[in-house]
PDB file of N, CA and C in Angstrom:
ATOM      1  N   MET A   1       2.910 -46.257  22.501  1.00  0.00           N
ATOM      2  CA  MET A   1       1.877 -45.360  22.258  1.00  0.00           C
ATOM      3  C   MET A   1       0.408 -46.018  22.092  1.00  0.00           C
ATOM      4  N   ASP A   2      -0.461 -45.799  22.406  1.00  0.00           N
ATOM      5  CA  ASP A   2      -1.592 -46.364  22.136  1.00  0.00           C
ATOM      6  C   ASP A   2      -2.347 -46.579  20.763  1.00  0.00           C
ATOM      7  N   LYS A   3      -2.605 -47.365  20.263  1.00  0.00           N
ATOM      8  CA  LYS A   3      -2.839 -48.029  18.978  1.00  0.00           C
ATOM      9  C   LYS A   3      -3.778 -46.597  18.362  1.00  0.00           C
ATOM     10  N   SER A   4      -4.653 -46.486  18.878  1.00  0.00           N
ATOM     11  CA  SER A   4      -6.354 -45.477  19.038  1.00  0.00           C
ATOM     12  C   SER A   4      -5.444 -44.032  18.924  1.00  0.00           C
ATOM     13  N   LEU A   5      -4.479 -43.740  19.598  1.00  0.00           N
ATOM     14  CA  LEU A   5      -3.758 -42.359  19.409  1.00  0.00           C
ATOM     15  C   LEU A   5      -2.733 -42.162  17.891  1.00  0.00           C
ATOM     16  N   GLU A   6      -2.372 -43.389  17.744  1.00  0.00           N
ATOM     17  CA  GLU A   6      -1.496 -43.107  16.617  1.00  0.00           C
ATOM     18  C   GLU A   6      -2.373 -43.424  15.509  1.00  0.00           C
ATOM     19  N   ALA A   7      -3.751 -44.150  15.647  1.00  0.00           N
ATOM     20  CA  ALA A   7      -4.523 -43.911  14.158  1.00  0.00           C
ATOM     21  C   ALA A   7      -5.058 -42.436  14.032  1.00  0.00           C
ATOM     22  N   LYS A   8      -5.261 -41.909  15.389  1.00  0.00           N
ATOM     23  CA  LYS A   8      -5.440 -40.295  15.453  1.00  0.00           C
ATOM     24  C   LYS A   8      -4.904 -39.425  15.277  1.00  0.00           C
ATOM     25  N   ARG A   9      -3.341 -39.721  14.964  1.00  0.00           N
ATOM     26  CA  ARG A   9      -2.299 -38.983  14.541  1.00  0.00           C
ATOM     27  C   ARG A   9      -2.329 -39.151  13.173  1.00  0.00           C
ATOM     28  N   ASP A  10      -2.361 -40.257  12.646  1.00  0.00           N
ATOM     29  CA  ASP A  10      -2.288 -40.548  11.325  1.00  0.00           C
ATOM     30  C   ASP A  10      -3.240 -39.785  10.416  1.00  0.00           C
ATOM     31  N   GLU A  11      -4.693 -40.140  11.040  1.00  0.00           N
ATOM     32  CA  GLU A  11      -5.788 -39.501  10.328  1.00  0.00           C
ATOM     33  C   GLU A  11      -5.564 -37.973  10.248  1.00  0.00           C
ATOM     34  N   ALA A  12      -5.070 -37.463  11.203  1.00  0.00           N
ATOM     35  CA  ALA A  12      -4.909 -35.860  11.487  1.00  0.00           C
ATOM     36  C   ALA A  12      -3.830 -35.577  10.647  1.00  0.00           C
ATOM     37  N   LYS A  13      -2.655 -35.886  10.227  1.00  0.00           N
ATOM     38  CA  LYS A  13      -1.613 -36.184   9.049  1.00  0.00           C
ATOM     39  C   LYS A  13      -2.115 -35.997   8.066  1.00  0.00           C
ATOM     40  N   LYS A  14      -3.121 -36.981   7.707  1.00  0.00           N
ATOM     41  CA  LYS A  14      -3.588 -37.006   6.481  1.00  0.00           C
ATOM     42  C   LYS A  14      -4.711 -36.059   6.264  1.00  0.00           C
ATOM     43  N   LYS A  15      -5.297 -35.578   6.956  1.00  0.00           N
ATOM     44  CA  LYS A  15      -6.306 -34.157   6.890  1.00  0.00           C
ATOM     45  C   LYS A  15      -5.218 -32.942   6.636  1.00  0.00           C
ATOM     46  N   ALA A  16      -4.568 -33.134   7.209  1.00  0.00           N
ATOM     47  CA  ALA A  16      -3.660 -31.551   7.298  1.00  0.00           C
ATOM     48  C   ALA A  16      -2.991 -31.821   5.677  1.00  0.00           C
ATOM     49  N   ALA A  17      -2.378 -32.608   5.206  1.00  0.00           N
ATOM     50  CA  ALA A  17      -2.022 -32.958   3.875  1.00  0.00           C
ATOM     51  C   ALA A  17      -2.794 -32.586   3.008  1.00  0.00           C
ATOM     52  N   GLN A  18      -4.206 -33.282   2.855  1.00  0.00           N
ATOM     53  CA  GLN A  18      -5.276 -32.750   2.319  1.00  0.00           C
ATOM     54  C   GLN A  18      -5.856 -31.253   2.160  1.00  0.00           C
ATOM     55  N   TYR A  19      -5.876 -30.544   3.298  1.00  0.00           N
ATOM     56  CA  TYR A  19      -5.842 -29.107   3.721  1.00  0.00           C
ATOM     57  C   TYR A  19      -4.731 -28.364   2.757  1.00  0.00           C
ATOM     58  N   GLU A  20      -3.444 -29.124   2.889  1.00  0.00           N
ATOM     59  CA  GLU A  20      -2.244 -28.059   2.259  1.00  0.00           C
ATOM     60  C   GLU A  20      -2.309 -28.276   0.670  1.00  0.00           C
ATOM     61  N   ASN A  21      -2.974 -29.378   0.337  1.00  0.00           N
ATOM     62  CA  ASN A  21      -3.387 -29.890  -1.329  1.00  0.00           C
ATOM     63  C   ASN A  21      -4.431 -28.838  -1.620  1.00  0.00           C
ATOM     64  N   GLN A  22      -5.251 -28.542  -1.005  1.00  0.00           N
ATOM     65  CA  GLN A  22      -6.449 -27.698  -1.492  1.00  0.00           C
ATOM     66  C   GLN A  22      -6.036 -26.312  -1.177  1.00  0.00           C
ATOM     67  N   VAL A  23      -5.125 -25.765  -0.307  1.00  0.00           N
ATOM     68  CA  VAL A  23      -4.607 -24.666  -0.315  1.00  0.00           C
ATOM     69  C   VAL A  23      -3.801 -24.231  -1.745  1.00  0.00           C
ATOM     70  N   LYS A  24      -3.192 -25.294  -2.242  1.00  0.00           N
ATOM     71  CA  LYS A  24      -1.981 -25.160  -3.240  1.00  0.00           C
ATOM     72  C   LYS A  24      -3.395 -25.218  -4.672  1.00  0.00           C
ATOM     73  N   ILE A  25      -4.071 -26.065  -4.594  1.00  0.00           N
ATOM     74  CA  ILE A  25      -5.228 -25.846  -5.612  1.00  0.00           C
ATOM     75  C   ILE A  25      -5.970 -24.302  -5.549  1.00  0.00           C
ATOM     76  N   LEU A  26      -6.146 -23.880  -4.750  1.00  0.00           N
ATOM     77  CA  LEU A  26      -6.813 -22.812  -4.491  1.00  0.00           C
ATOM     78  C   LEU A  26      -5.856 -21.672  -5.269  1.00  0.00           C
ATOM     79  N   LEU A  27      -4.567 -21.637  -4.564  1.00  0.00           N
ATOM     80  CA  LEU A  27      -3.606 -20.660  -5.073  1.00  0.00           C
ATOM     81  C   LEU A  27      -3.693 -20.649  -6.658  1.00  0.00           C
ATOM     82  N   ASN A  28      -3.375 -22.025  -7.016  1.00  0.00           N
ATOM     83  CA  ASN A  28      -3.251 -22.189  -8.572  1.00  0.00           C
ATOM     84  C   ASN A  28      -4.520 -21.569  -9.567  1.00  0.00           C
ATOM     85  N   LYS A  29      -5.642 -21.678  -9.092  1.00  0.00           N
ATOM     86  CA  LYS A  29      -6.740 -21.176  -9.359  1.00  0.00           C
ATOM     87  C   LYS A  29      -6.713 -19.444  -9.479  1.00  0.00           C
ATOM     88  N   GLN A  30      -6.561 -18.767  -8.429  1.00  0.00           N
ATOM     89  CA  GLN A  30      -6.190 -17.479  -8.095  1.00  0.00           C
ATOM     90  C   GLN A  30      -5.299 -16.965  -9.221  1.00  0.00           C
ATOM     91  N   ARG A  31      -4.007 -17.431  -8.858  1.00  0.00           N
ATOM     92  CA  ARG A  31      -2.766 -17.315 -10.223  1.00  0.00           C
ATOM     93  C   ARG A  31      -3.622 -17.403 -11.714  1.00  0.00           C
ATOM     94  N   ASN A  32      -4.110 -18.152 -11.931  1.00  0.00           N
ATOM     95  CA  ASN A  32      -4.864 -18.562 -13.331  1.00  0.00           C
ATOM     96  C   ASN A  32      -5.813 -17.701 -13.721  1.00  0.00           C
ATOM     97  N   ALA A  33      -6.629 -17.134 -12.751  1.00  0.00           N
ATOM     98  CA  ALA A  33      -7.746 -16.113 -12.990  1.00  0.00           C
ATOM     99  C   ALA A  33      -7.015 -14.969 -12.922  1.00  0.00           C
ATOM    100  N   GLU A  34      -5.918 -14.252 -12.192  1.00  0.00           N
ATOM    101  CA  GLU A  34      -5.276 -13.266 -12.459  1.00  0.00           C
ATOM    102  C   GLU A  34      -4.291 -13.362 -13.797  1.00  0.00           C
ATOM    103  N   ARG A  35      -3.973 -14.222 -14.187  1.00  0.00           N
ATOM    104  CA  ARG A  35      -3.238 -14.153 -15.511  1.00  0.00           C
ATOM    105  C   ARG A  35      -4.632 -14.389 -16.616  1.00  0.00           C
ATOM    106  N   ASN A  36      -5.433 -14.646 -16.679  1.00  0.00           N
ATOM    107  CA  ASN A  36      -6.373 -14.781 -17.298  1.00  0.00           C
ATOM    108  C   ASN A  36      -6.765 -13.258 -17.564  1.00  0.00           C
ATOM    109  N   ALA A  37      -7.234 -12.506 -16.655  1.00  0.00           N
ATOM    110  CA  ALA A  37      -7.652 -11.184 -16.363  1.00  0.00           C
ATOM    111  C   ALA A  37      -6.750 -10.342 -16.954  1.00  0.00           C
ATOM    112  N   ARG A  38      -5.401  -9.979 -16.770  1.00  0.00           N
ATOM    113  CA  ARG A  38      -4.436  -9.517 -17.651  1.00  0.00           C
ATOM    114  C   ARG A  38      -4.222  -9.847 -18.805  1.00  0.00           C
ATOM    115  N   THR A  39      -4.388 -11.198 -19.158  1.00  0.00           N
ATOM    116  CA  THR A  39      -3.998 -11.286 -20.884  1.00  0.00           C
ATOM    117  C   THR A  39      -5.771 -10.768 -21.533  1.00  0.00           C
ATOM    118  N   SER A  40      -6.525 -10.954 -20.740  1.00  0.00           N
ATOM    119  CA  SER A  40      -7.803 -10.260 -21.365  1.00  0.00           C
ATOM    120  C   SER A  40      -7.539  -8.664 -21.683  1.00  0.00           C
ATOM    121  N   ARG A  41      -7.190  -8.202 -20.515  1.00  0.00           N
ATOM    122  CA  ARG A  41      -7.033  -6.621 -20.117  1.00  0.00           C
ATOM    123  C   ARG A  41      -5.888  -5.968 -21.449  1.00  0.00           C
ATOM    124  N   LEU A  42      -4.730  -6.761 -21.735  1.00  0.00           N
ATOM    125  CA  LEU A  42      -3.660  -6.564 -23.020  1.00  0.00           C
ATOM    126  C   LEU A  42      -4.388  -6.774 -23.916  1.00  0.00           C
ATOM    127  N   CYS A  43      -5.055  -7.807 -24.329  1.00  0.00           N
ATOM    128  CA  CYS A  43      -5.559  -7.839 -25.507  1.00  0.00           C
ATOM    129  C   CYS A  43      -6.653  -6.958 -25.570  1.00  0.00           C
ATOM    130  N   ARG A  44      -7.288  -6.602 -25.052  1.00  0.00           N
ATOM    131  CA  ARG A  44      -8.268  -5.569 -25.146  1.00  0.00           C
ATOM    132  C   ARG A  44      -7.602  -3.885 -25.300  1.00  0.00           C
ATOM    133  N   HIS A  45      -6.702  -3.943 -24.732  1.00  0.00           N
ATOM    134  CA  HIS A  45      -5.965  -2.418 -24.826  1.00  0.00           C
ATOM    135  C   HIS A  45      -5.116  -2.428 -26.206  1.00  0.00           C
ATOM    136  N   GLY A  46      -4.565  -3.832 -26.502  1.00  0.00           N
ATOM    137  CA  GLY A  46      -3.704  -3.773 -27.759  1.00  0.00           C
ATOM    138  C   GLY A  46      -4.782  -3.606 -28.985  1.00  0.00           C
ATOM    139  N   ALA A  47      -5.936  -3.912 -28.896  1.00  0.00           N
ATOM    140  CA  ALA A  47      -6.934  -3.680 -29.939  1.00  0.00           C
ATOM    141  C   ALA A  47      -7.608  -2.218 -30.094  1.00  0.00           C
ATOM    142  N   ILE A  48      -7.392  -1.515 -28.885  1.00  0.00           N
ATOM    143  CA  ILE A  48      -8.185  -0.116 -28.777  1.00  0.00           C
ATOM    144  C   ILE A  48      -6.973   0.836 -29.673  1.00  0.00           C
ATOM    145  N   LEU A  49      -5.801   0.026 -28.735  1.00  0.00           N
ATOM    146  CA  LEU A  49      -4.546   1.089 -29.323  1.00  0.00           C
ATOM    147  C   LEU A  49      -4.420   0.711 -31.284  1.00  0.00           C
ATOM    148  N   GLU A  50      -4.434  -0.505 -31.331  1.00  0.00           N
ATOM    149  CA  GLU A  50      -4.498  -0.606 -32.909  1.00  0.00           C
ATOM    150  C   GLU A  50      -5.410   0.014 -33.486  1.00  0.00           C
ATOM    151  N   GLY A  51      -6.813   0.394 -32.892  1.00  0.00           N
ATOM    152  CA  GLY A  51      -7.665   0.727 -33.680  1.00  0.00           C
ATOM    153  C   GLY A  51      -7.591   2.289 -33.697  1.00  0.00           C
ATOM    154  N   VAL A  52      -6.865   3.170 -32.867  1.00  0.00           N
ATOM    155  CA  VAL A  52      -6.869   4.240 -32.699  1.00  0.00           C
ATOM    156  C   VAL A  52      -5.437   5.069 -33.961  1.00  0.00           C
ATOM    157  N   PHE A  53      -4.564   4.074 -33.278  1.00  0.00           N
ATOM    158  CA  PHE A  53      -3.282   3.937 -34.299  1.00  0.00           C
ATOM    159  C   PHE A  53      -3.047   2.757 -35.285  1.00  0.00           C
ATOM    160  N   PRO A  54      -3.686   3.032 -36.403  1.00  0.00           N
ATOM    161  CA  PRO A  54      -3.474   1.600 -37.365  1.00  0.00           C
ATOM    162  C   PRO A  54      -2.089   1.387 -37.838  1.00  0.00           C
ATOM    163  N   ALA A  55      -1.153   2.480 -37.712  1.00  0.00           N
ATOM    164  CA  ALA A  55       0.039   2.510 -37.633  1.00  0.00           C
ATOM    165  C   ALA A  55       0.690   1.227 -36.981  1.00  0.00           C
ATOM    166  N   ALA A  56       0.237   1.372 -35.710  1.00  0.00           N
ATOM    167  CA  ALA A  56       0.952   0.400 -34.445  1.00  0.00           C
ATOM    168  C   ALA A  56       1.038  -0.763 -35.010  1.00  0.00           C
ATOM    169  N   ILE A  57       0.115  -1.268 -35.789  1.00  0.00           N
ATOM    170  CA  ILE A  57      -0.133  -3.003 -36.149  1.00  0.00           C
ATOM    171  C   ILE A  57       1.302  -3.244 -36.923  1.00  0.00           C
ATOM    172  N   ASP A  58       2.203  -2.459 -37.769  1.00  0.00           N
ATOM    173  CA  ASP A  58       3.096  -2.559 -38.315  1.00  0.00           C
ATOM    174  C   ASP A  58       4.231  -2.351 -37.390  1.00  0.00           C
ATOM    175  N   MET A  59       4.256  -1.685 -36.255  1.00  0.00           N
ATOM    176  CA  MET A  59       5.542  -1.720 -35.803  1.00  0.00           C
ATOM    177  C   MET A  59       6.012  -2.927 -34.764  1.00  0.00           C
ATOM    178  N   ASP A  60       7.347  -2.765 -34.433  1.00  0.00           N
ATOM    179  CA  ASP A  60       7.485  -3.651 -33.498  1.00  0.00           C
ATOM    180  C   ASP A  60       7.689  -3.040 -32.143  1.00  0.00           C
ATOM    181  N   GLY A  61       7.956  -3.855 -31.243  1.00  0.00           N
ATOM    182  CA  GLY A  61       7.865  -3.417 -29.824  1.00  0.00           C
ATOM    183  C   GLY A  61       8.460  -2.191 -29.434  1.00  0.00           C
ATOM    184  N   GLU A  62       9.839  -2.325 -29.743  1.00  0.00           N
ATOM    185  CA  GLU A  62      10.584  -1.140 -29.259  1.00  0.00           C
ATOM    186  C   GLU A  62      10.231   0.086 -30.015  1.00  0.00           C
ATOM    187  N   SER A  63       9.581   0.272 -31.631  1.00  0.00           N
ATOM    188  CA  SER A  63       9.334   1.139 -31.982  1.00  0.00           C
ATOM    189  C   SER A  63       7.796   1.841 -31.492  1.00  0.00           C
ATOM    190  N   LEU A  64       6.912   0.856 -31.101  1.00  0.00           N
ATOM    191  CA  LEU A  64       5.746   1.309 -30.275  1.00  0.00           C
ATOM    192  C   LEU A  64       6.219   1.769 -29.282  1.00  0.00           C
ATOM    193  N   LYS A  65       6.717   1.752 -28.574  1.00  0.00           N
ATOM    194  CA  LYS A  65       7.654   1.757 -27.356  1.00  0.00           C
ATOM    195  C   LYS A  65       7.763   3.447 -27.210  1.00  0.00           C
ATOM    196  N   ALA A  66       8.628   3.676 -28.555  1.00  0.00           N
ATOM    197  CA  ALA A  66       9.334   4.814 -28.840  1.00  0.00           C
ATOM    198  C   ALA A  66       7.889   5.862 -28.974  1.00  0.00           C
ATOM    199  N   PHE A  67       7.151   5.344 -29.767  1.00  0.00           N
ATOM    200  CA  PHE A  67       6.169   5.948 -30.310  1.00  0.00           C
ATOM    201  C   PHE A  67       5.119   6.627 -28.847  1.00  0.00           C
ATOM    202  N   LEU A  68       4.725   5.550 -28.066  1.00  0.00           N
ATOM    203  CA  LEU A  68       4.010   6.106 -27.041  1.00  0.00           C
ATOM    204  C   LEU A  68       4.704   7.051 -26.210  1.00  0.00           C
ATOM    205  N   ILE A  69       5.738   6.508 -25.779  1.00  0.00           N
ATOM    206  CA  ILE A  69       6.745   7.749 -25.070  1.00  0.00           C
ATOM    207  C   ILE A  69       6.653   9.222 -25.575  1.00  0.00           C
ATOM    208  N   ALA A  70       6.918   9.199 -26.935  1.00  0.00           N
ATOM    209  CA  ALA A  70       6.908  10.591 -27.602  1.00  0.00           C
ATOM    210  C   ALA A  70       5.703  11.116 -27.504  1.00  0.00           C
ATOM    211  N   LEU A  71       4.337  10.243 -27.818  1.00  0.00           N
ATOM    212  CA  LEU A  71       3.102  11.112 -27.483  1.00  0.00           C
ATOM    213  C   LEU A  71       3.015  11.354 -26.097  1.00  0.00           C
ATOM    214  N   SER A  72       3.227  10.708 -24.996  1.00  0.00           N
ATOM    215  CA  SER A  72       3.403  10.856 -23.744  1.00  0.00           C
ATOM    216  C   SER A  72       3.849  12.512 -23.578  1.00  0.00           C
ATOM    217  N   ARG A  73       4.879  12.760 -24.304  1.00  0.00           N
ATOM    218  CA  ARG A  73       5.757  13.931 -23.781  1.00  0.00           C
ATOM    219  C   ARG A  73       5.354  15.183 -24.340  1.00  0.00           C
ATOM    220  N   LEU A  74       3.734  15.145 -25.353  1.00  0.00           N
ATOM    221  CA  LEU A  74       3.443  15.983 -25.764  1.00  0.00           C
ATOM    222  C   LEU A  74       2.792  16.914 -24.737  1.00  0.00           C
ATOM    223  N   PRO A  75       2.680  18.343 -25.422  1.00  0.00           N
ATOM    224  CA  PRO A  75       1.895  19.208 -24.159  1.00  0.00           C
ATOM    225  C   PRO A  75       0.470  18.546 -24.059  1.00  0.00           C
ATOM    226  N   GLY A  76       0.325  18.629 -22.760  1.00  0.00           N
ATOM    227  CA  GLY A  76      -1.095  18.158 -22.253  1.00  0.00           C
ATOM    228  C   GLY A  76      -1.524  16.702 -22.479  1.00  0.00           C
ATOM    229  N   ALA A  77      -0.650  15.941 -22.406  1.00  0.00           N
ATOM    230  CA  ALA A  77      -0.475  14.441 -22.332  1.00  0.00           C
ATOM    231  C   ALA A  77      -0.954  14.212 -21.182  1.00  0.00           C
ATOM    232  N   ALA A  78      -0.069  14.502 -19.981  1.00  0.00           N
ATOM    233  CA  ALA A  78      -0.189  14.187 -18.660  1.00  0.00           C
ATOM    234  C   ALA A  78      -1.614  14.387 -18.166  1.00  0.00           C
ATOM    235  N   GLU A  79      -1.880  15.772 -18.267  1.00  0.00           N
ATOM    236  CA  GLU A  79      -2.990  16.122 -18.026  1.00  0.00           C
ATOM    237  C   GLU A  79      -4.528  15.695 -18.698  1.00  0.00           C
ATOM    238  N   ALA A  80      -4.369  15.117 -19.794  1.00  0.00           N
ATOM    239  CA  ALA A  80      -5.434  14.556 -20.733  1.00  0.00           C
ATOM    240  C   ALA A  80      -5.617  13.037 -19.945  1.00  0.00           C
ATOM    241  N   ALA A  81      -4.003  12.444 -19.623  1.00  0.00           N
ATOM    242  CA  ALA A  81      -4.222  10.974 -18.906  1.00  0.00           C
ATOM    243  C   ALA A  81      -5.158  10.755 -17.566  1.00  0.00           C
ATOM    244  N   GLU A  82      -4.661  11.924 -17.045  1.00  0.00           N
ATOM    245  CA  GLU A  82      -5.042  12.156 -15.249  1.00  0.00           C
ATOM    246  C   GLU A  82      -6.618  12.318 -15.475  1.00  0.00           C
ATOM    247  N   LYS A  83      -6.999  13.284 -16.320  1.00  0.00           N
ATOM    248  CA  LYS A  83      -8.517  13.481 -16.939  1.00  0.00           C
ATOM    249  C   LYS A  83      -9.066  12.518 -16.928  1.00  0.00           C
ATOM    250  N   THR A  84      -8.737  11.372 -17.575  1.00  0.00           N
ATOM    251  CA  THR A  84      -9.496  10.357 -18.336  1.00  0.00           C
ATOM    252  C   THR A  84      -9.622   9.553 -17.283  1.00  0.00           C
ATOM    253  N   ALA A  85      -8.072   9.036 -16.283  1.00  0.00           N
ATOM    254  CA  ALA A  85      -8.170   7.983 -15.423  1.00  0.00           C
ATOM    255  C   ALA A  85      -9.210   8.286 -14.528  1.00  0.00           C
ATOM    256  N   ALA A  86      -9.581   9.865 -14.075  1.00  0.00           N
ATOM    257  CA  ALA A  86     -10.132  10.304 -13.148  1.00  0.00           C
ATOM    258  C   ALA A  86     -11.977  10.241 -13.095  1.00  0.00           C
ATOM    259  N   THR A  87     -12.002  10.282 -14.456  1.00  0.00           N
ATOM    260  CA  THR A  87     -13.341  10.109 -15.103  1.00  0.00           C
ATOM    261  C   THR A  87     -13.595   8.580 -15.456  1.00  0.00           C
ATOM    262  N   SER A  88     -12.643   7.640 -15.275  1.00  0.00           N
ATOM    263  CA  SER A  88     -13.088   6.009 -15.439  1.00  0.00           C
ATOM    264  C   SER A  88     -13.756   5.488 -14.303  1.00  0.00           C
TER     265      SER A  88
END
């Protein structure tokens, strides 16, 4: 094979590897941004929950889950949630 063709092939392989690394870096940045957004949202929602229901501060995870399930089963809860979501 011609040496200039080998050099071009090697250069193309090098560029392909660089592009693959750039894709990996961008995907990692995207995952980190999504994780940070989720963490921020969970913290804000947790703070709101504790502000509205101060007793939630002392509850463990299972107790809090049971409490929220019980609230969701109250008459009108589903309609209120839908109405609130529709106005957001």
